Amino acid sequence: MEDFDLPYAELTLIMDTTIPFLNRPESFPELFALSVELNLFVYTPQEWEKAQDQSKYPGFWKSVFEDMIPIL
């Protein structure tokens, strides 16, 4: 049997929620049913705004905001 690598994606969603950060992806089981290896990150609007502020400095958030492709 041959091994096939699945397509890979990182998806970031912004939503109002009180669910703890590590449990938020569980709110979207349909996304994990797709035939793609998915890293799903769910942030609140306040967390996302803080990340945008941090993107002014070299590091992780700077690269996120430089490379992201907004969908909506």
PDB file of N, CA and C in Angstrom:
ATOM      1  N   MET A   1       0.841  -1.177   0.000  1.00  0.00           N
ATOM      2  CA  MET A   1       0.000   0.000   0.000  1.00  0.00           C
ATOM      3  C   MET A   1       0.892   1.247   0.000  1.00  0.00           C
ATOM      4  N   GLU A   2       0.565   2.208  -0.836  1.00  0.00           N
ATOM      5  CA  GLU A   2       1.339   3.442  -0.928  1.00  0.00           C
ATOM      6  C   GLU A   2       0.872   4.439   0.120  1.00  0.00           C
ATOM      7  N   ASP A   3       1.815   5.222   0.624  1.00  0.00           N
ATOM      8  CA  ASP A   3       1.474   6.316   1.528  1.00  0.00           C
ATOM      9  C   ASP A   3       1.297   7.581   0.704  1.00  0.00           C
ATOM     10  N   PHE A   4       0.221   8.292   0.966  1.00  0.00           N
ATOM     11  CA  PHE A   4      -0.030   9.554   0.286  1.00  0.00           C
ATOM     12  C   PHE A   4      -0.072  10.663   1.325  1.00  0.00           C
ATOM     13  N   ASP A   5       0.607  11.755   1.030  1.00  0.00           N
ATOM     14  CA  ASP A   5       0.542  12.910   1.914  1.00  0.00           C
ATOM     15  C   ASP A   5      -0.726  13.689   1.612  1.00  0.00           C
ATOM     16  N   LEU A   6      -1.448  14.036   2.657  1.00  0.00           N
ATOM     17  CA  LEU A   6      -2.641  14.853   2.480  1.00  0.00           C
ATOM     18  C   LEU A   6      -2.233  16.299   2.242  1.00  0.00           C
ATOM     19  N   PRO A   7      -3.059  17.045   1.505  1.00  0.00           N
ATOM     20  CA  PRO A   7      -2.817  18.484   1.410  1.00  0.00           C
ATOM     21  C   PRO A   7      -2.848  19.071   2.824  1.00  0.00           C
ATOM     22  N   TYR A   8      -2.127  20.149   3.031  1.00  0.00           N
ATOM     23  CA  TYR A   8      -1.958  20.739   4.353  1.00  0.00           C
ATOM     24  C   TYR A   8      -2.475  22.171   4.349  1.00  0.00           C
ATOM     25  N   ALA A   9      -3.143  22.554   5.446  1.00  0.00           N
ATOM     26  CA  ALA A   9      -3.636  23.927   5.545  1.00  0.00           C
ATOM     27  C   ALA A   9      -3.621  24.389   6.992  1.00  0.00           C
ATOM     28  N   GLU A  10      -3.425  25.678   7.166  1.00  0.00           N
ATOM     29  CA  GLU A  10      -3.612  26.321   8.460  1.00  0.00           C
ATOM     30  C   GLU A  10      -4.753  27.303   8.282  1.00  0.00           C
ATOM     31  N   LEU A  11      -5.724  27.221   9.177  1.00  0.00           N
ATOM     32  CA  LEU A  11      -6.898  28.080   9.094  1.00  0.00           C
ATOM     33  C   LEU A  11      -7.074  28.782  10.431  1.00  0.00           C
ATOM     34  N   THR A  12      -7.253  30.091  10.373  1.00  0.00           N
ATOM     35  CA  THR A  12      -7.489  30.884  11.575  1.00  0.00           C
ATOM     36  C   THR A  12      -8.883  31.476  11.485  1.00  0.00           C
ATOM     37  N   LEU A  13      -9.669  31.253  12.522  1.00  0.00           N
ATOM     38  CA  LEU A  13     -11.019  31.803  12.604  1.00  0.00           C
ATOM     39  C   LEU A  13     -11.073  32.790  13.756  1.00  0.00           C
ATOM     40  N   ILE A  14     -11.860  33.850  13.571  1.00  0.00           N
ATOM     41  CA  ILE A  14     -12.056  34.852  14.605  1.00  0.00           C
ATOM     42  C   ILE A  14     -13.526  34.808  14.993  1.00  0.00           C
ATOM     43  N   MET A  15     -13.806  34.590  16.287  1.00  0.00           N
ATOM     44  CA  MET A  15     -15.206  34.530  16.724  1.00  0.00           C
ATOM     45  C   MET A  15     -15.320  34.897  18.200  1.00  0.00           C
ATOM     46  N   ASP A  16     -16.479  35.432  18.556  1.00  0.00           N
ATOM     47  CA  ASP A  16     -16.767  35.685  19.964  1.00  0.00           C
ATOM     48  C   ASP A  16     -17.049  34.353  20.630  1.00  0.00           C
ATOM     49  N   THR A  17     -16.340  34.067  21.708  1.00  0.00           N
ATOM     50  CA  THR A  17     -16.538  32.812  22.422  1.00  0.00           C
ATOM     51  C   THR A  17     -15.956  32.916  23.820  1.00  0.00           C
ATOM     52  N   THR A  18     -16.473  32.091  24.706  1.00  0.00           N
ATOM     53  CA  THR A  18     -15.900  31.963  26.047  1.00  0.00           C
ATOM     54  C   THR A  18     -15.259  30.587  26.223  1.00  0.00           C
ATOM     55  N   ILE A  19     -15.256  29.789  25.172  1.00  0.00           N
ATOM     56  CA  ILE A  19     -14.653  28.457  25.204  1.00  0.00           C
ATOM     57  C   ILE A  19     -13.139  28.619  25.353  1.00  0.00           C
ATOM     58  N   PRO A  20     -12.505  27.810  26.203  1.00  0.00           N
ATOM     59  CA  PRO A  20     -11.046  27.900  26.336  1.00  0.00           C
ATOM     60  C   PRO A  20     -10.341  27.683  24.993  1.00  0.00           C
ATOM     61  N   PHE A  21      -9.224  28.371  24.807  1.00  0.00           N
ATOM     62  CA  PHE A  21      -8.509  28.374  23.527  1.00  0.00           C
ATOM     63  C   PHE A  21      -8.278  26.972  22.967  1.00  0.00           C
ATOM     64  N   LEU A  22      -7.771  26.066  23.781  1.00  0.00           N
ATOM     65  CA  LEU A  22      -7.424  24.731  23.276  1.00  0.00           C
ATOM     66  C   LEU A  22      -8.639  23.894  22.896  1.00  0.00           C
ATOM     67  N   ASN A  23      -9.834  24.255  23.387  1.00  0.00           N
ATOM     68  CA  ASN A  23     -11.049  23.507  23.072  1.00  0.00           C
ATOM     69  C   ASN A  23     -11.835  24.089  21.897  1.00  0.00           C
ATOM     70  N   ARG A  24     -11.486  25.254  21.444  1.00  0.00           N
ATOM     71  CA  ARG A  24     -12.267  25.928  20.399  1.00  0.00           C
ATOM     72  C   ARG A  24     -12.357  25.159  19.084  1.00  0.00           C
ATOM     73  N   PRO A  25     -11.296  24.525  18.603  1.00  0.00           N
ATOM     74  CA  PRO A  25     -11.420  23.784  17.339  1.00  0.00           C
ATOM     75  C   PRO A  25     -12.476  22.680  17.379  1.00  0.00           C
ATOM     76  N   GLU A  26     -12.792  22.172  18.566  1.00  0.00           N
ATOM     77  CA  GLU A  26     -13.816  21.137  18.699  1.00  0.00           C
ATOM     78  C   GLU A  26     -15.190  21.638  18.270  1.00  0.00           C
ATOM     79  N   SER A  27     -15.367  22.938  18.169  1.00  0.00           N
ATOM     80  CA  SER A  27     -16.635  23.523  17.727  1.00  0.00           C
ATOM     81  C   SER A  27     -16.844  23.382  16.225  1.00  0.00           C
ATOM     82  N   PHE A  28     -15.834  22.898  15.502  1.00  0.00           N
ATOM     83  CA  PHE A  28     -15.889  22.814  14.043  1.00  0.00           C
ATOM     84  C   PHE A  28     -15.518  21.416  13.544  1.00  0.00           C
ATOM     85  N   PRO A  29     -16.226  20.376  13.987  1.00  0.00           N
ATOM     86  CA  PRO A  29     -15.856  19.009  13.590  1.00  0.00           C
ATOM     87  C   PRO A  29     -15.925  18.785  12.081  1.00  0.00           C
ATOM     88  N   GLU A  30     -16.791  19.518  11.398  1.00  0.00           N
ATOM     89  CA  GLU A  30     -16.933  19.334   9.948  1.00  0.00           C
ATOM     90  C   GLU A  30     -15.648  19.701   9.204  1.00  0.00           C
ATOM     91  N   LEU A  31     -14.873  20.618   9.749  1.00  0.00           N
ATOM     92  CA  LEU A  31     -13.617  20.989   9.093  1.00  0.00           C
ATOM     93  C   LEU A  31     -12.590  19.865   9.165  1.00  0.00           C
ATOM     94  N   PHE A  32     -12.653  19.075  10.223  1.00  0.00           N
ATOM     95  CA  PHE A  32     -11.698  17.977  10.374  1.00  0.00           C
ATOM     96  C   PHE A  32     -12.105  16.758   9.555  1.00  0.00           C
ATOM     97  N   ALA A  33     -13.317  16.778   9.003  1.00  0.00           N
ATOM     98  CA  ALA A  33     -13.771  15.695   8.134  1.00  0.00           C
ATOM     99  C   ALA A  33     -13.269  15.883   6.700  1.00  0.00           C
ATOM    100  N   LEU A  34     -12.728  17.049   6.386  1.00  0.00           N
ATOM    101  CA  LEU A  34     -12.194  17.308   5.048  1.00  0.00           C
ATOM    102  C   LEU A  34     -10.940  16.471   4.819  1.00  0.00           C
ATOM    103  N   SER A  35     -10.665  16.167   3.588  1.00  0.00           N
ATOM    104  CA  SER A  35      -9.473  15.362   3.280  1.00  0.00           C
ATOM    105  C   SER A  35      -8.249  16.265   3.114  1.00  0.00           C
ATOM    106  N   VAL A  36      -7.973  16.991   4.183  1.00  0.00           N
ATOM    107  CA  VAL A  36      -6.813  17.873   4.232  1.00  0.00           C
ATOM    108  C   VAL A  36      -6.296  17.853   5.670  1.00  0.00           C
ATOM    109  N   GLU A  37      -4.984  17.847   5.817  1.00  0.00           N
ATOM    110  CA  GLU A  37      -4.408  17.948   7.154  1.00  0.00           C
ATOM    111  C   GLU A  37      -4.557  19.397   7.593  1.00  0.00           C
ATOM    112  N   LEU A  38      -5.275  19.619   8.688  1.00  0.00           N
ATOM    113  CA  LEU A  38      -5.670  20.973   9.069  1.00  0.00           C
ATOM    114  C   LEU A  38      -5.175  21.335  10.465  1.00  0.00           C
ATOM    115  N   ASN A  39      -4.536  22.485  10.559  1.00  0.00           N
ATOM    116  CA  ASN A  39      -4.258  23.123  11.847  1.00  0.00           C
ATOM    117  C   ASN A  39      -5.254  24.264  11.963  1.00  0.00           C
ATOM    118  N   LEU A  40      -6.149  24.166  12.925  1.00  0.00           N
ATOM    119  CA  LEU A  40      -7.201  25.162  13.106  1.00  0.00           C
ATOM    120  C   LEU A  40      -6.937  25.962  14.374  1.00  0.00           C
ATOM    121  N   PHE A  41      -6.922  27.282  14.221  1.00  0.00           N
ATOM    122  CA  PHE A  41      -6.725  28.193  15.347  1.00  0.00           C
ATOM    123  C   PHE A  41      -7.942  29.102  15.430  1.00  0.00           C
ATOM    124  N   VAL A  42      -8.530  29.211  16.610  1.00  0.00           N
ATOM    125  CA  VAL A  42      -9.723  30.036  16.797  1.00  0.00           C
ATOM    126  C   VAL A  42      -9.414  31.083  17.864  1.00  0.00           C
ATOM    127  N   TYR A  43      -9.495  32.347  17.458  1.00  0.00           N
ATOM    128  CA  TYR A  43      -9.198  33.462  18.350  1.00  0.00           C
ATOM    129  C   TYR A  43     -10.442  34.314  18.558  1.00  0.00           C
ATOM    130  N   THR A  44     -10.510  34.981  19.702  1.00  0.00           N
ATOM    131  CA  THR A  44     -11.548  35.980  19.916  1.00  0.00           C
ATOM    132  C   THR A  44     -11.103  37.268  19.219  1.00  0.00           C
ATOM    133  N   PRO A  45     -12.033  38.185  18.956  1.00  0.00           N
ATOM    134  CA  PRO A  45     -11.623  39.457  18.347  1.00  0.00           C
ATOM    135  C   PRO A  45     -10.573  40.197  19.185  1.00  0.00           C
ATOM    136  N   GLN A  46     -10.684  40.120  20.501  1.00  0.00           N
ATOM    137  CA  GLN A  46      -9.721  40.792  21.374  1.00  0.00           C
ATOM    138  C   GLN A  46      -8.337  40.148  21.253  1.00  0.00           C
ATOM    139  N   GLU A  47      -8.286  38.818  21.201  1.00  0.00           N
ATOM    140  CA  GLU A  47      -7.004  38.124  21.047  1.00  0.00           C
ATOM    141  C   GLU A  47      -6.373  38.447  19.700  1.00  0.00           C
ATOM    142  N   TRP A  48      -7.201  38.529  18.666  1.00  0.00           N
ATOM    143  CA  TRP A  48      -6.704  38.816  17.321  1.00  0.00           C
ATOM    144  C   TRP A  48      -6.152  40.240  17.249  1.00  0.00           C
ATOM    145  N   GLU A  49      -6.836  41.179  17.894  1.00  0.00           N
ATOM    146  CA  GLU A  49      -6.354  42.567  17.921  1.00  0.00           C
ATOM    147  C   GLU A  49      -5.001  42.648  18.631  1.00  0.00           C
ATOM    148  N   LYS A  50      -4.857  41.920  19.728  1.00  0.00           N
ATOM    149  CA  LYS A  50      -3.579  41.895  20.446  1.00  0.00           C
ATOM    150  C   LYS A  50      -2.485  41.300  19.557  1.00  0.00           C
ATOM    151  N   ALA A  51      -2.813  40.258  18.810  1.00  0.00           N
ATOM    152  CA  ALA A  51      -1.845  39.648  17.890  1.00  0.00           C
ATOM    153  C   ALA A  51      -1.428  40.649  16.812  1.00  0.00           C
ATOM    154  N   GLN A  52      -2.392  41.429  16.307  1.00  0.00           N
ATOM    155  CA  GLN A  52      -2.059  42.441  15.302  1.00  0.00           C
ATOM    156  C   GLN A  52      -1.078  43.461  15.866  1.00  0.00           C
ATOM    157  N   ASP A  53      -1.274  43.853  17.114  1.00  0.00           N
ATOM    158  CA  ASP A  53      -0.341  44.789  17.752  1.00  0.00           C
ATOM    159  C   ASP A  53       1.058  44.186  17.834  1.00  0.00           C
ATOM    160  N   GLN A  54       1.145  42.896  18.131  1.00  0.00           N
ATOM    161  CA  GLN A  54       2.441  42.219  18.252  1.00  0.00           C
ATOM    162  C   GLN A  54       3.105  42.007  16.895  1.00  0.00           C
ATOM    163  N   SER A  55       2.333  42.099  15.815  1.00  0.00           N
ATOM    164  CA  SER A  55       2.888  41.852  14.479  1.00  0.00           C
ATOM    165  C   SER A  55       3.819  42.971  14.011  1.00  0.00           C
ATOM    166  N   LYS A  56       3.893  44.051  14.764  1.00  0.00           N
ATOM    167  CA  LYS A  56       4.804  45.145  14.416  1.00  0.00           C
ATOM    168  C   LYS A  56       6.259  44.759  14.658  1.00  0.00           C
ATOM    169  N   TYR A  57       6.462  43.713  15.458  1.00  0.00           N
ATOM    170  CA  TYR A  57       7.808  43.309  15.867  1.00  0.00           C
ATOM    171  C   TYR A  57       8.196  41.999  15.185  1.00  0.00           C
ATOM    172  N   PRO A  58       9.476  41.766  14.950  1.00  0.00           N
ATOM    173  CA  PRO A  58       9.909  40.513  14.321  1.00  0.00           C
ATOM    174  C   PRO A  58       9.451  39.308  15.147  1.00  0.00           C
ATOM    175  N   GLY A  59       9.107  38.242  14.447  1.00  0.00           N
ATOM    176  CA  GLY A  59       8.714  37.019  15.141  1.00  0.00           C
ATOM    177  C   GLY A  59       7.510  36.365  14.505  1.00  0.00           C
ATOM    178  N   PHE A  60       6.896  35.492  15.275  1.00  0.00           N
ATOM    179  CA  PHE A  60       5.796  34.668  14.779  1.00  0.00           C
ATOM    180  C   PHE A  60       4.654  35.490  14.198  1.00  0.00           C
ATOM    181  N   TRP A  61       4.110  36.442  14.976  1.00  0.00           N
ATOM    182  CA  TRP A  61       2.932  37.168  14.511  1.00  0.00           C
ATOM    183  C   TRP A  61       3.228  38.030  13.293  1.00  0.00           C
ATOM    184  N   LYS A  62       4.420  38.557  13.190  1.00  0.00           N
ATOM    185  CA  LYS A  62       4.782  39.337  12.002  1.00  0.00           C
ATOM    186  C   LYS A  62       4.669  38.462  10.759  1.00  0.00           C
ATOM    187  N   SER A  63       5.181  37.231  10.827  1.00  0.00           N
ATOM    188  CA  SER A  63       5.114  36.332   9.669  1.00  0.00           C
ATOM    189  C   SER A  63       3.679  35.903   9.380  1.00  0.00           C
ATOM    190  N   VAL A  64       2.868  35.735  10.422  1.00  0.00           N
ATOM    191  CA  VAL A  64       1.457  35.374  10.207  1.00  0.00           C
ATOM    192  C   VAL A  64       0.764  36.447   9.387  1.00  0.00           C
ATOM    193  N   PHE A  65       0.915  37.693   9.785  1.00  0.00           N
ATOM    194  CA  PHE A  65       0.208  38.776   9.104  1.00  0.00           C
ATOM    195  C   PHE A  65       0.797  39.085   7.729  1.00  0.00           C
ATOM    196  N   GLU A  66       2.058  38.775   7.512  1.00  0.00           N
ATOM    197  CA  GLU A  66       2.649  38.965   6.185  1.00  0.00           C
ATOM    198  C   GLU A  66       2.181  37.891   5.204  1.00  0.00           C
ATOM    199  N   ASP A  67       1.960  36.680   5.694  1.00  0.00           N
ATOM    200  CA  ASP A  67       1.657  35.545   4.816  1.00  0.00           C
ATOM    201  C   ASP A  67       0.177  35.202   4.714  1.00  0.00           C
ATOM    202  N   MET A  68      -0.669  35.781   5.561  1.00  0.00           N
ATOM    203  CA  MET A  68      -2.071  35.353   5.583  1.00  0.00           C
ATOM    204  C   MET A  68      -2.830  35.798   4.334  1.00  0.00           C
ATOM    205  N   ILE A  69      -3.855  35.019   4.020  1.00  0.00           N
ATOM    206  CA  ILE A  69      -4.756  35.325   2.910  1.00  0.00           C
ATOM    207  C   ILE A  69      -6.163  35.430   3.499  1.00  0.00           C
ATOM    208  N   PRO A  70      -6.685  36.646   3.699  1.00  0.00           N
ATOM    209  CA  PRO A  70      -8.031  36.790   4.264  1.00  0.00           C
ATOM    210  C   PRO A  70      -9.086  36.200   3.329  1.00  0.00           C
ATOM    211  N   ILE A  71     -10.060  35.516   3.910  1.00  0.00           N
ATOM    212  CA  ILE A  71     -11.147  34.935   3.118  1.00  0.00           C
ATOM    213  C   ILE A  71     -12.367  35.846   3.180  1.00  0.00           C
ATOM    214  N   LEU A  72     -12.716  36.296   4.358  1.00  0.00           N
ATOM    215  CA  LEU A  72     -13.842  37.223   4.521  1.00  0.00           C
ATOM    216  C   LEU A  72     -13.419  38.409   5.337  1.00  0.00           C
TER     217      LEU A  72
END
